[in-house]
Amino acid sequence: MKRLSLIIFIAFTLQSCLGQDIKINLSELKFKSIFGEKEKDNVNVYCLLGTGFFRTPRSENADQLIQDWLEKNNDAKVILVSTLVDKKGNINYCWLVDKNGQTINEYLVHNGCFPGGTMMRPNTFSEMSKEERKMYADEKPNIIVQIDKKSYDEFIEKIKLAETFARENKLGIWKDK
């Protein structure tokens, strides 16, 4: 009986961890540019960009637009998209969603602050091409995806439209192109 109880406990614990719906209030996060942190949490960093955030082009007004959006939408929902788990700390790609369903991420691309490709979530190791996997010969990246495929695909379509708008209107990073 003890063994059965232990198996049920372990199965329940694993299931709740894998399907965990982590709730984060925007008020808990303090953003500086594209990165947000929780007070007294030195393990997690929250990022508004999914990929390429260290090298991406950015408009001069990106940080101001982020702050303006945050002030106007202080009740926005935080949605975790993916987490890169690392020994040094976790990078959590997140969407901030206003009461009308628009994300700050879409808003930033629409205004030409960042290219749309930066809003893609990182690939898990199994999703990577052989060439990408070679870069991780020593240690596989541990990427946990928290968003369902349908929601992610719908988001990416919105990002594509937002970038098209910014390009056609020569906004932000597209002004000289």
Protein backbone atom coordinates (compact mmCIF):
# COMPACT_ATOMS: atom_id res chain seq x y z
CA MET A 1 0.00 0.00 0.00
CA LYS A 2 2.85 2.39 0.84
CA ARG A 3 4.41 1.71 -2.56
CA LEU A 4 1.13 2.50 -4.36
CA SER A 5 0.74 5.71 -2.36
CA LEU A 6 4.29 6.72 -3.22
CA ILE A 7 3.72 6.04 -6.93
CA ILE A 8 0.50 8.06 -6.91
CA PHE A 9 2.24 10.91 -5.08
CA ILE A 10 5.16 10.97 -7.54
CA ALA A 11 2.84 10.81 -10.56
CA PHE A 12 0.70 13.63 -9.17
CA THR A 13 3.76 15.75 -8.39
CA LEU A 14 5.27 15.26 -11.84
CA GLN A 15 1.97 16.00 -13.57
CA SER A 16 1.44 19.19 -11.60
CA CYS A 17 4.99 20.35 -12.33
CA LEU A 18 4.76 19.67 -16.06
CA GLY A 19 1.37 21.28 -16.50
CA GLN A 20 1.93 23.96 -13.94
CA ASP A 21 0.20 27.22 -14.63
CA ILE A 22 2.62 29.68 -13.11
CA LYS A 23 0.87 32.90 -12.17
CA ILE A 24 2.94 36.06 -12.19
CA ASN A 25 1.43 39.47 -11.66
CA LEU A 26 2.89 42.31 -13.68
CA SER A 27 3.08 44.32 -10.46
CA GLU A 28 5.65 41.80 -9.18
CA LEU A 29 8.01 42.56 -12.08
CA LYS A 30 10.24 45.59 -12.45
CA PHE A 31 11.33 46.11 -16.05
CA LYS A 32 14.47 47.80 -17.24
CA SER A 33 14.29 47.82 -21.02
CA ILE A 34 13.31 44.32 -22.23
CA PHE A 35 14.27 42.57 -18.99
CA GLY A 36 12.12 42.22 -15.89
CA GLU A 37 12.95 40.90 -12.46
CA LYS A 38 11.07 40.01 -9.33
CA GLU A 39 12.30 41.45 -6.08
CA LYS A 40 14.15 38.80 -4.02
CA ASP A 41 14.34 36.38 -6.98
CA ASN A 42 17.88 36.09 -8.23
CA VAL A 43 17.19 32.95 -10.30
CA ASN A 44 14.67 34.20 -12.88
CA VAL A 45 14.86 36.95 -15.46
CA TYR A 46 11.82 37.76 -17.60
CA CYS A 47 12.40 38.91 -21.16
CA LEU A 48 10.04 40.49 -23.69
CA LEU A 49 12.06 39.02 -26.56
CA GLY A 50 12.33 35.32 -27.29
CA THR A 51 15.48 35.08 -29.40
CA GLY A 52 18.43 37.19 -30.41
CA PHE A 53 17.94 39.85 -27.75
CA PHE A 54 21.66 40.54 -27.26
CA ARG A 55 22.35 41.34 -30.92
CA THR A 56 19.07 42.56 -32.32
CA PRO A 57 18.60 45.98 -33.85
CA ARG A 58 16.41 48.21 -31.72
CA SER A 59 14.87 51.61 -32.21
CA GLU A 60 16.05 54.56 -30.17
CA ASN A 61 12.66 54.90 -28.50
CA ALA A 62 12.20 51.21 -27.58
CA ASP A 63 12.80 51.66 -23.85
CA GLN A 64 10.45 54.64 -23.65
CA LEU A 65 7.70 52.78 -25.51
CA ILE A 66 8.12 49.85 -23.12
CA GLN A 67 7.76 52.12 -20.09
CA ASP A 68 4.77 53.96 -21.59
CA TRP A 69 3.00 50.66 -22.36
CA LEU A 70 3.69 49.32 -18.87
CA GLU A 71 2.30 52.47 -17.23
CA LYS A 72 -0.87 52.36 -19.35
CA ASN A 73 -1.36 48.62 -18.88
CA ASN A 74 -0.33 47.97 -15.29
CA ASP A 75 -3.07 45.33 -15.04
CA ALA A 76 -1.76 43.32 -18.02
CA LYS A 77 -1.43 39.56 -17.71
CA VAL A 78 1.99 37.92 -17.78
CA ILE A 79 2.09 34.79 -19.94
CA LEU A 80 5.18 32.60 -19.78
CA VAL A 81 6.06 31.31 -23.23
CA SER A 82 9.28 29.42 -22.63
CA THR A 83 12.04 29.10 -20.07
CA LEU A 84 15.71 28.50 -20.71
CA VAL A 85 16.78 26.68 -17.56
CA ASP A 86 20.43 27.21 -16.69
CA LYS A 87 22.64 26.62 -13.65
CA LYS A 88 23.28 30.36 -13.42
CA GLY A 89 19.63 31.38 -13.76
CA ASN A 90 16.53 31.04 -15.88
CA ILE A 91 15.55 33.27 -18.78
CA ASN A 92 11.77 33.34 -19.11
CA TYR A 93 10.38 34.61 -22.41
CA CYS A 94 7.02 36.19 -21.66
CA TRP A 95 4.17 38.03 -23.29
CA LEU A 96 2.41 40.88 -21.51
CA VAL A 97 -1.22 40.97 -22.59
CA ASP A 98 -3.47 44.03 -22.14
CA LYS A 99 -7.22 43.91 -21.46
CA ASN A 100 -7.91 44.04 -25.23
CA GLY A 101 -5.75 41.00 -25.92
CA GLN A 102 -2.83 42.85 -27.52
CA THR A 103 0.65 42.00 -26.32
CA ILE A 104 3.41 44.49 -25.62
CA ASN A 105 5.47 42.26 -27.89
CA GLU A 106 3.19 42.90 -30.87
CA TYR A 107 3.06 46.61 -29.95
CA LEU A 108 6.87 46.87 -30.01
CA VAL A 109 7.18 45.17 -33.42
CA HIS A 110 4.28 47.26 -34.80
CA ASN A 111 6.17 50.42 -33.79
CA GLY A 112 9.42 49.22 -35.37
CA CYS A 113 11.24 48.77 -32.07
CA PHE A 114 12.42 45.24 -32.86
CA PRO A 115 12.26 42.83 -35.80
CA GLY A 116 9.51 40.23 -35.58
CA GLY A 117 11.98 37.35 -35.47
CA THR A 118 12.95 38.32 -31.93
CA MET A 119 9.47 37.32 -30.78
CA MET A 120 9.98 33.69 -31.71
CA ARG A 121 10.51 31.39 -28.77
CA PRO A 122 13.80 29.47 -28.61
CA ASN A 123 13.72 25.98 -30.06
CA THR A 124 13.96 23.02 -27.76
CA PHE A 125 16.89 20.69 -28.42
CA SER A 126 14.64 18.22 -30.25
CA GLU A 127 13.34 21.03 -32.50
CA MET A 128 16.84 22.20 -33.49
CA SER A 129 18.45 21.36 -36.80
CA LYS A 130 21.56 19.17 -36.83
CA GLU A 131 23.67 22.28 -37.37
CA GLU A 132 22.14 24.03 -34.36
CA ARG A 133 22.63 20.92 -32.20
CA LYS A 134 26.36 20.87 -33.01
CA MET A 135 26.75 24.16 -31.13
CA TYR A 136 25.58 22.36 -28.00
CA ALA A 137 27.85 19.32 -28.12
CA ASP A 138 28.87 19.73 -24.47
CA GLU A 139 25.51 20.39 -22.90
CA LYS A 140 21.99 20.38 -24.33
CA PRO A 141 19.98 23.53 -23.63
CA ASN A 142 17.07 22.86 -21.30
CA ILE A 143 14.16 24.80 -22.77
CA ILE A 144 10.71 24.32 -21.34
CA VAL A 145 7.77 25.46 -23.48
CA GLN A 146 4.76 26.74 -21.51
CA ILE A 147 2.50 27.87 -24.34
CA ASP A 148 0.37 25.68 -26.57
CA LYS A 149 1.11 25.49 -30.29
CA LYS A 150 -2.19 27.06 -31.40
CA SER A 151 -1.73 30.17 -29.23
CA TYR A 152 1.89 30.47 -30.30
CA ASP A 153 1.05 30.15 -34.01
CA GLU A 154 -1.70 32.79 -33.70
CA PHE A 155 0.75 35.11 -31.94
CA ILE A 156 3.38 34.65 -34.68
CA GLU A 157 0.81 35.57 -37.36
CA LYS A 158 0.10 38.83 -35.48
CA ILE A 159 3.83 39.50 -35.25
CA LYS A 160 4.22 39.02 -39.01
CA LEU A 161 1.46 41.56 -39.65
CA ALA A 162 2.97 43.98 -37.14
CA GLU A 163 6.38 43.81 -38.81
CA THR A 164 4.85 44.27 -42.26
CA PHE A 165 3.10 47.41 -40.97
CA ALA A 166 6.31 48.80 -39.44
CA ARG A 167 8.32 48.09 -42.60
CA GLU A 168 5.73 49.62 -44.94
CA ASN A 169 5.47 52.72 -42.77
CA LYS A 170 9.24 52.93 -42.23
CA LEU A 171 8.93 52.98 -38.44
CA GLY A 172 11.77 52.60 -35.98
CA ILE A 173 14.45 50.23 -37.21
CA TRP A 174 12.88 50.27 -40.68
CA LYS A 175 13.02 54.07 -41.18
CA ASP A 176 16.11 53.98 -43.42
CA LYS A 177 15.33 50.79 -45.30
